[in-house]
Amino acid sequence: MPQMSPLSWWLLFMFFIMLLLLFSIMNYYILFYTSQKKDSIKLMTKSMNWKW
């Protein structure tokens, strides 16, 4: 089995690094996080009286 040349290893490494960066950037910019104020979030609490 022939060994890979150092240049091929370097190109393979760079290819995977670019893939990782592209994937990370895409995930960062595709997901749209809506900014919600804490005042607008209301917890709906309902008290329950259990009658046994």
C-alpha atoms as a PDB file:
ATOM      1  CA  MET A   1       0.000   0.000   0.000  1.00  0.00           C
ATOM      2  CA  PRO A   2       1.621   3.267  -1.064  1.00  0.00           C
ATOM      3  CA  GLN A   3       1.978   6.067   1.392  1.00  0.00           C
ATOM      4  CA  MET A   4       0.421   9.442   0.818  1.00  0.00           C
ATOM      5  CA  SER A   5       2.716  12.331   0.116  1.00  0.00           C
ATOM      6  CA  PRO A   6       2.867  15.153   2.676  1.00  0.00           C
ATOM      7  CA  LEU A   7       1.180  17.513   0.233  1.00  0.00           C
ATOM      8  CA  SER A   8      -1.811  15.200  -0.046  1.00  0.00           C
ATOM      9  CA  TRP A   9      -2.125  15.041   3.730  1.00  0.00           C
ATOM     10  CA  TRP A  10      -1.988  18.807   3.912  1.00  0.00           C
ATOM     11  CA  LEU A  11      -4.668  19.187   1.243  1.00  0.00           C
ATOM     12  CA  LEU A  12      -6.876  16.658   2.978  1.00  0.00           C
ATOM     13  CA  PHE A  13      -6.437  18.467   6.271  1.00  0.00           C
ATOM     14  CA  MET A  14      -7.256  21.828   4.681  1.00  0.00           C
ATOM     15  CA  PHE A  15     -10.299  20.361   2.983  1.00  0.00           C
ATOM     16  CA  PHE A  16     -11.759  19.124   6.285  1.00  0.00           C
ATOM     17  CA  ILE A  17     -10.930  22.385   8.045  1.00  0.00           C
ATOM     18  CA  MET A  18     -12.756  24.333   5.350  1.00  0.00           C
ATOM     19  CA  LEU A  19     -15.693  21.963   5.595  1.00  0.00           C
ATOM     20  CA  LEU A  20     -15.841  22.444   9.351  1.00  0.00           C
ATOM     21  CA  LEU A  21     -15.695  26.218   9.019  1.00  0.00           C
ATOM     22  CA  LEU A  22     -18.348  26.268   6.335  1.00  0.00           C
ATOM     23  CA  PHE A  23     -20.640  24.062   8.372  1.00  0.00           C
ATOM     24  CA  SER A  24     -20.157  26.185  11.494  1.00  0.00           C
ATOM     25  CA  ILE A  25     -20.771  29.459   9.673  1.00  0.00           C
ATOM     26  CA  MET A  26     -23.866  28.084   7.985  1.00  0.00           C
ATOM     27  CA  ASN A  27     -25.289  26.869  11.283  1.00  0.00           C
ATOM     28  CA  TYR A  28     -24.587  30.210  12.902  1.00  0.00           C
ATOM     29  CA  TYR A  29     -26.259  32.324  10.228  1.00  0.00           C
ATOM     30  CA  ILE A  30     -29.123  30.035   9.192  1.00  0.00           C
ATOM     31  CA  LEU A  31     -30.644  29.743  12.644  1.00  0.00           C
ATOM     32  CA  PHE A  32     -32.584  32.892  13.396  1.00  0.00           C
ATOM     33  CA  TYR A  33     -32.950  33.524  17.077  1.00  0.00           C
ATOM     34  CA  THR A  34     -35.794  35.860  17.948  1.00  0.00           C
ATOM     35  CA  SER A  35     -34.918  38.159  20.771  1.00  0.00           C
ATOM     36  CA  GLN A  36     -37.648  38.135  23.340  1.00  0.00           C
ATOM     37  CA  LYS A  37     -37.803  40.491  26.240  1.00  0.00           C
ATOM     38  CA  LYS A  38     -38.193  38.951  29.639  1.00  0.00           C
ATOM     39  CA  ASP A  39     -41.181  41.212  30.272  1.00  0.00           C
ATOM     40  CA  SER A  40     -43.081  39.702  27.387  1.00  0.00           C
ATOM     41  CA  ILE A  41     -42.705  36.180  28.733  1.00  0.00           C
ATOM     42  CA  LYS A  42     -45.496  35.482  31.156  1.00  0.00           C
ATOM     43  CA  LEU A  43     -45.747  32.286  33.052  1.00  0.00           C
ATOM     44  CA  MET A  44     -49.229  30.911  33.126  1.00  0.00           C
ATOM     45  CA  THR A  45     -49.708  29.558  36.583  1.00  0.00           C
ATOM     46  CA  LYS A  46     -53.000  28.095  37.548  1.00  0.00           C
ATOM     47  CA  SER A  47     -53.703  27.129  41.078  1.00  0.00           C
ATOM     48  CA  MET A  48     -55.481  23.861  41.417  1.00  0.00           C
ATOM     49  CA  ASN A  49     -57.510  23.026  44.487  1.00  0.00           C
ATOM     50  CA  TRP A  50     -57.739  19.303  44.794  1.00  0.00           C
ATOM     51  CA  LYS A  51     -60.978  18.090  46.302  1.00  0.00           C
ATOM     52  CA  TRP A  52     -60.674  14.515  47.457  1.00  0.00           C
END
